[in-house]
């Protein structure tokens, strides 16, 4: 991180020299170039500022994300699928590797739930910002009378427990059920009991996977999700008094949304925790999430500093 800071410092010095020359020569194209360089430098500084906030080992690694549609049938399930698309788009923009691990389709459209992984540097540290209830207000495309609807979906984020994390799972603590997949995958998936549901008896945690073609692969994926869930529980126990993730989890309840996405009667995305908002809803839904994520991380840092003082 020190090396990156020094590099940004050199870039800023070079840009200042370029600005002075452009002003002397009244060279508008170079002034435009300087403005672009300053914009990129500002974004790089903001990223570096955010990365210094990651102090826990799990912040740097992979994330497991779950999305669950709220009450409201097709409308809420469509919203859950929109959120899934938003996060996959964000992961793609950031150069992260994402993999859908499980999806449960809605009856008419959308999804009831989805689980996916995001792999890359600081994936979990950044995606923590998205944990909570997300609210959508729009004219429903499923309402013949074109009325305005409000929909909710819950997002949960867990740190991935890789092989370096000591999570002991006894086979006797597992209840494993197989069933016929209801998801995509072709005729083979839908006509064999390839889907796997695992219940961890000591805690009652239930995970499932049905996206792979083989029962063996689905079981391996479900166990990966279970390990991450148990890892998250262990982290909560260790940091119960100060862990912001634990606090956020307790606040996940219908009616306590963290962010609203309004498409009608006006367009706005607003984060209710930080006060950040934008009118460019389409950009956010297309995965432009860096600014609200950064604002939340900085907000959490200020809150932690205030609590410690």
Protein backbone atom coordinates (compact mmCIF):
# COMPACT_ATOMS: atom_id res chain seq x y z
CA UNK A 1 0.00 0.00 0.00
CA UNK A 2 2.94 2.35 0.70
CA UNK A 3 4.20 1.76 -2.82
CA UNK A 4 0.81 2.60 -4.31
CA UNK A 5 0.63 5.79 -2.23
CA UNK A 6 4.06 6.86 -3.47
CA UNK A 7 2.98 6.14 -7.04
CA UNK A 8 -0.13 8.30 -6.66
CA UNK A 9 2.00 11.07 -5.16
CA UNK A 10 4.32 10.99 -8.20
CA UNK A 11 1.35 10.98 -10.58
CA UNK A 12 -0.10 14.02 -8.83
CA UNK A 13 3.21 15.89 -9.12
CA UNK A 14 3.43 15.05 -12.84
CA UNK A 15 -0.15 16.19 -13.37
CA UNK A 16 0.54 19.50 -11.60
CA UNK A 17 3.50 20.15 -13.92
CA UNK A 18 1.35 19.30 -16.94
CA UNK A 19 -1.35 21.69 -15.69
CA UNK A 20 1.12 24.56 -15.33
CA UNK A 21 2.40 24.03 -18.88
CA UNK A 22 -1.14 23.83 -20.27
CA UNK A 23 -2.13 27.07 -18.54
CA UNK A 24 0.95 28.87 -19.85
CA UNK A 25 0.28 27.69 -23.40
CA UNK A 26 -3.52 28.02 -23.06
CA UNK A 27 -3.71 24.52 -24.52
CA UNK A 28 -7.32 23.37 -24.12
CA UNK A 29 -6.79 19.73 -25.25
CA UNK A 30 -4.05 19.33 -22.62
CA UNK A 31 -6.28 20.97 -20.00
CA UNK A 32 -8.95 18.41 -20.85
CA UNK A 33 -6.37 15.65 -20.47
CA UNK A 34 -5.38 17.04 -17.07
CA UNK A 35 -9.01 17.06 -15.96
CA UNK A 36 -9.33 13.39 -16.93
CA UNK A 37 -6.10 12.51 -15.10
CA UNK A 38 -7.29 14.30 -11.96
CA UNK A 39 -10.58 12.40 -12.11
CA UNK A 40 -8.74 9.09 -12.28
CA UNK A 41 -6.38 10.13 -9.48
CA UNK A 42 -9.32 11.10 -7.28
CA UNK A 43 -10.90 7.67 -7.81
CA UNK A 44 -7.58 5.91 -7.11
CA UNK A 45 -7.11 7.90 -3.90
CA UNK A 46 -10.64 7.06 -2.81
CA UNK A 47 -10.00 3.35 -3.45
CA UNK A 48 -6.76 3.48 -1.45
CA UNK A 49 -8.54 5.27 1.36
CA UNK A 50 -11.19 2.55 1.44
CA UNK A 51 -8.68 -0.32 1.32
CA UNK A 52 -6.88 0.96 4.41
CA UNK A 53 -10.14 0.39 6.31
CA UNK A 54 -9.93 -3.38 5.80
CA UNK A 55 -8.29 -4.70 8.95
CA UNK A 56 -9.70 -8.23 9.25
CA UNK A 57 -8.12 -11.18 7.38
CA UNK A 58 -11.43 -12.20 5.81
CA UNK A 59 -11.91 -8.74 4.26
CA UNK A 60 -9.39 -9.48 1.52
CA UNK A 61 -11.00 -12.68 0.27
CA UNK A 62 -13.93 -14.22 -1.53
CA UNK A 63 -17.55 -13.51 -0.64
CA UNK A 64 -20.63 -15.70 -0.69
CA UNK A 65 -23.79 -13.68 -1.37
CA UNK A 66 -27.41 -14.72 -0.88
CA UNK A 67 -30.44 -12.85 -2.23
CA UNK A 68 -33.96 -13.62 -0.99
CA UNK A 69 -37.14 -12.12 -2.43
CA UNK A 70 -39.50 -10.59 0.10
CA UNK A 71 -43.25 -10.94 0.27
CA UNK A 72 -45.09 -9.88 -2.86
CA UNK A 73 -44.90 -12.79 -5.26
CA UNK A 74 -43.81 -12.12 -8.82
CA UNK A 75 -43.02 -8.44 -8.26
CA UNK A 76 -40.59 -9.16 -5.40
CA UNK A 77 -39.07 -12.12 -7.25
CA UNK A 78 -38.40 -9.96 -10.29
CA UNK A 79 -36.70 -7.42 -8.00
CA UNK A 80 -34.51 -10.17 -6.52
CA UNK A 81 -33.41 -11.12 -10.03
CA UNK A 82 -32.65 -7.46 -10.81
CA UNK A 83 -30.39 -7.34 -7.76
CA UNK A 84 -28.64 -10.53 -8.85
CA UNK A 85 -27.96 -8.98 -12.25
CA UNK A 86 -26.71 -5.77 -10.58
CA UNK A 87 -24.14 -7.61 -8.45
CA UNK A 88 -22.95 -9.83 -11.30
CA UNK A 89 -22.52 -6.71 -13.46
CA UNK A 90 -20.56 -5.02 -10.67
CA UNK A 91 -18.31 -8.06 -10.28
CA UNK A 92 -17.66 -8.08 -14.02
CA UNK A 93 -16.82 -4.35 -14.04
CA UNK A 94 -14.37 -4.84 -11.18
CA UNK A 95 -12.65 -7.80 -12.80
CA UNK A 96 -13.91 -10.24 -10.19
CA UNK A 97 -14.79 -13.85 -10.92
CA UNK A 98 -18.39 -14.70 -10.03
CA UNK A 99 -20.20 -18.03 -10.00
CA UNK A 100 -23.88 -18.71 -9.41
CA UNK A 101 -24.04 -21.55 -6.91
CA UNK A 102 -27.80 -21.95 -6.52
CA UNK A 103 -31.00 -20.33 -7.79
CA UNK A 104 -34.64 -20.98 -7.02
CA UNK A 105 -36.81 -19.62 -9.84
CA UNK A 106 -40.04 -17.74 -9.25
CA UNK A 107 -43.36 -19.17 -10.38
CA UNK A 108 -43.91 -16.65 -13.19
CA UNK A 109 -40.76 -14.52 -13.37
CA UNK A 110 -37.68 -13.65 -11.39
CA UNK A 111 -36.16 -15.71 -8.59
CA UNK A 112 -37.17 -16.61 -5.06
CA UNK A 113 -33.52 -16.83 -4.02
CA UNK A 114 -29.99 -17.05 -5.36
CA UNK A 115 -26.56 -17.81 -3.95
CA UNK A 116 -23.37 -16.82 -5.75
CA UNK A 117 -19.69 -16.34 -5.04
CA UNK A 118 -17.49 -13.37 -5.88
CA UNK A 119 -13.76 -14.03 -5.99
CA UNK A 120 -11.13 -11.30 -6.04
CA UNK A 121 -9.17 -8.92 -3.83
CA UNK A 122 -11.35 -7.33 -1.11
CA UNK A 123 -14.53 -8.91 -2.51
CA UNK A 124 -15.92 -9.66 0.95
CA UNK A 125 -14.66 -6.43 2.47
CA UNK A 126 -16.49 -4.38 -0.16
CA UNK A 127 -19.65 -6.45 -0.48
CA UNK A 128 -20.34 -6.19 3.26
CA UNK A 129 -21.81 -2.80 2.37
CA UNK A 130 -24.67 -4.50 0.52
CA UNK A 131 -25.97 -6.58 3.42
CA UNK A 132 -29.53 -5.64 4.35
CA UNK A 133 -32.95 -4.96 2.88
CA UNK A 134 -33.18 -3.36 -0.57
CA UNK A 135 -36.43 -1.58 -1.53
CA UNK A 136 -37.73 -0.96 -5.05
CA UNK A 137 -40.53 1.47 -5.99
CA UNK A 138 -41.81 1.37 -9.57
CA UNK A 139 -44.78 0.94 -11.88
CA UNK A 140 -45.12 -2.81 -11.93
CA UNK A 141 -44.73 -4.46 -15.36
CA UNK A 142 -46.87 -7.30 -13.97
CA UNK A 143 -49.84 -5.08 -13.04
CA UNK A 144 -52.43 -4.74 -15.80
CA UNK A 145 -53.60 -1.47 -14.19
CA UNK A 146 -50.05 -0.02 -14.17
CA UNK A 147 -50.09 0.74 -10.46
CA UNK A 148 -47.05 1.65 -8.41
CA UNK A 149 -45.64 -1.21 -6.32
CA UNK A 150 -43.05 -1.41 -3.53
CA UNK A 151 -40.92 -4.55 -3.38
CA UNK A 152 -38.28 -5.80 -0.97
CA UNK A 153 -35.39 -8.24 -1.14
CA UNK A 154 -32.81 -9.24 1.47
CA UNK A 155 -29.09 -9.54 0.77
CA UNK A 156 -26.76 -11.55 3.02
CA UNK A 157 -22.97 -11.61 2.62
CA UNK A 158 -20.63 -14.22 4.12
CA UNK A 159 -16.84 -14.57 4.00
CA UNK A 160 -15.75 -17.64 2.07
CA UNK A 161 -14.05 -20.23 4.27
CA UNK A 162 -11.17 -21.56 2.19
CA UNK A 163 -9.01 -24.54 3.09
CA UNK A 164 -6.82 -22.41 5.38
CA UNK A 165 -9.78 -21.79 7.70
CA UNK A 166 -10.31 -24.47 10.33
CA UNK A 167 -14.01 -25.31 10.15
CA UNK A 168 -14.69 -28.79 11.49
CA UNK A 169 -17.87 -30.38 10.13
CA UNK A 170 -18.77 -33.87 11.31
CA UNK A 171 -20.72 -36.08 8.91
CA UNK A 172 -22.99 -37.10 11.79
CA UNK A 173 -24.06 -33.45 12.13
CA UNK A 174 -25.33 -33.35 8.56
CA UNK A 175 -28.76 -34.24 7.21
CA UNK A 176 -28.44 -34.57 3.45
CA UNK A 177 -31.47 -34.70 1.16
CA UNK A 178 -31.53 -35.02 -2.61
CA UNK A 179 -34.33 -33.79 -4.83
CA UNK A 180 -35.15 -32.96 -8.41
CA UNK A 181 -33.81 -29.64 -9.59
CA UNK A 182 -36.28 -26.91 -10.50
CA UNK A 183 -33.65 -24.66 -12.04
CA UNK A 184 -32.04 -24.34 -15.44
CA UNK A 185 -29.73 -26.98 -16.78
CA UNK A 186 -31.64 -28.96 -19.33
CA UNK A 187 -33.56 -32.21 -19.33
CA UNK A 188 -30.94 -34.19 -17.39
CA UNK A 189 -31.03 -31.84 -14.41
CA UNK A 190 -34.80 -31.74 -14.26
CA UNK A 191 -35.34 -35.51 -14.44
CA UNK A 192 -32.82 -36.74 -11.87
CA UNK A 193 -32.40 -36.18 -8.14
CA UNK A 194 -29.19 -34.18 -8.64
CA UNK A 195 -30.04 -31.27 -6.32
CA UNK A 196 -28.71 -31.41 -2.76
CA UNK A 197 -30.02 -29.86 0.44
CA UNK A 198 -27.87 -30.01 3.59
CA UNK A 199 -29.12 -29.26 7.09
CA UNK A 200 -26.47 -28.64 9.74
CA UNK A 201 -28.21 -30.14 12.77
CA UNK A 202 -26.37 -28.25 15.59
CA UNK A 203 -27.45 -24.83 14.29
CA UNK A 204 -30.36 -25.62 11.96
CA UNK A 205 -28.63 -23.89 9.04
CA UNK A 206 -29.98 -25.14 5.70
CA UNK A 207 -28.09 -24.76 2.42
CA UNK A 208 -28.76 -26.20 -1.00
CA UNK A 209 -27.37 -26.32 -4.50
CA UNK A 210 -29.09 -27.41 -7.69
CA UNK A 211 -27.26 -25.58 -10.47
CA UNK A 212 -24.70 -28.27 -11.30
CA UNK A 213 -25.54 -31.34 -13.39
CA UNK A 214 -24.16 -33.89 -10.95
CA UNK A 215 -25.20 -34.65 -7.39
CA UNK A 216 -21.54 -34.84 -6.39
CA UNK A 217 -20.79 -31.30 -7.60
CA UNK A 218 -23.95 -29.93 -6.00
CA UNK A 219 -22.99 -31.50 -2.67
CA UNK A 220 -19.49 -30.00 -2.85
CA UNK A 221 -20.93 -26.57 -3.61
CA UNK A 222 -23.48 -26.83 -0.80
CA UNK A 223 -20.72 -27.78 1.65
CA UNK A 224 -18.74 -24.72 0.54
CA UNK A 225 -21.73 -22.51 1.32
CA UNK A 226 -22.19 -24.24 4.68
CA UNK A 227 -18.52 -23.72 5.60
CA UNK A 228 -18.87 -20.02 4.85
CA UNK A 229 -22.03 -19.74 6.94
CA UNK A 230 -20.33 -21.45 9.89
CA UNK A 231 -17.23 -19.30 9.44
CA UNK A 232 -19.42 -16.22 9.58
CA UNK A 233 -21.02 -17.44 12.82
CA UNK A 234 -17.59 -17.99 14.34
CA UNK A 235 -16.51 -14.47 13.39
CA UNK A 236 -19.66 -13.06 14.99
CA UNK A 237 -18.85 -14.84 18.24
CA UNK A 238 -15.29 -13.49 18.25
CA UNK A 239 -16.29 -9.90 17.57
CA UNK A 240 -19.82 -9.69 18.92
CA UNK A 241 -19.30 -6.41 20.77
CA UNK A 242 -17.73 -4.46 17.92
CA UNK A 243 -18.37 -6.26 14.65
CA UNK A 244 -20.33 -4.05 12.26
CA UNK A 245 -21.43 -7.06 10.21
CA UNK A 246 -23.13 -8.55 13.25
CA UNK A 247 -24.88 -5.25 13.92
CA UNK A 248 -26.07 -5.04 10.33
CA UNK A 249 -27.44 -8.58 10.44
CA UNK A 250 -29.62 -7.74 13.44
CA UNK A 251 -31.02 -4.80 11.47
CA UNK A 252 -32.10 -6.94 8.51
CA UNK A 253 -35.86 -6.88 8.88
CA UNK A 254 -38.68 -5.86 6.59
CA UNK A 255 -39.27 -2.16 7.05
CA UNK A 256 -35.64 -1.36 7.93
CA UNK A 257 -34.24 -1.09 4.41
CA UNK A 258 -30.66 0.06 3.87
CA UNK A 259 -31.25 1.41 0.37
CA UNK A 260 -34.18 2.49 -1.79
CA UNK A 261 -34.33 2.39 -5.59
CA UNK A 262 -37.14 4.62 -6.88
CA UNK A 263 -38.15 4.45 -10.56
CA UNK A 264 -41.50 6.25 -10.23
CA UNK A 265 -42.72 9.00 -9.75
CA UNK A 266 -39.09 10.22 -9.88
CA UNK A 267 -35.75 8.44 -10.24
CA UNK A 268 -33.39 8.14 -7.30
CA UNK A 269 -31.23 5.67 -5.40
CA UNK A 270 -30.70 6.58 -1.75
CA UNK A 271 -28.66 4.82 0.92
CA UNK A 272 -30.48 5.37 4.20
CA UNK A 273 -27.41 4.69 6.33
CA UNK A 274 -25.04 7.24 4.81
CA UNK A 275 -27.40 9.67 3.07
CA UNK A 276 -25.68 9.09 -0.28
CA UNK A 277 -28.02 9.42 -3.26
CA UNK A 278 -28.01 9.69 -7.04
CA UNK A 279 -30.57 10.22 -9.77
CA UNK A 280 -28.82 7.81 -12.14
CA UNK A 281 -30.76 4.69 -11.15
CA UNK A 282 -29.98 2.83 -14.36
CA UNK A 283 -26.23 3.15 -13.80
CA UNK A 284 -26.53 1.68 -10.30
CA UNK A 285 -28.72 -1.19 -11.51
CA UNK A 286 -26.10 -1.83 -14.20
CA UNK A 287 -23.49 -2.40 -11.50
CA UNK A 288 -22.12 1.08 -10.76
CA UNK A 289 -21.85 0.40 -7.02
CA UNK A 290 -18.41 1.64 -6.08
CA UNK A 291 -19.52 5.01 -4.74
CA UNK A 292 -22.27 3.74 -2.37
CA UNK A 293 -19.94 0.95 -1.20
CA UNK A 294 -17.15 3.43 -0.51
CA UNK A 295 -19.50 5.82 1.30
CA UNK A 296 -20.68 3.01 3.59
CA UNK A 297 -17.15 1.85 4.39
CA UNK A 298 -16.09 5.40 5.29
CA UNK A 299 -19.25 5.83 7.35
CA UNK A 300 -18.54 2.62 9.25
CA UNK A 301 -14.97 3.77 9.92
CA UNK A 302 -16.20 7.07 11.35
CA UNK A 303 -18.76 5.25 13.50
CA UNK A 304 -16.10 2.86 14.84
CA UNK A 305 -13.73 5.72 15.64
CA UNK A 306 -16.51 7.61 17.44
CA UNK A 307 -17.45 4.53 19.46
CA UNK A 308 -13.83 3.96 20.47
CA UNK A 309 -13.28 7.55 21.62
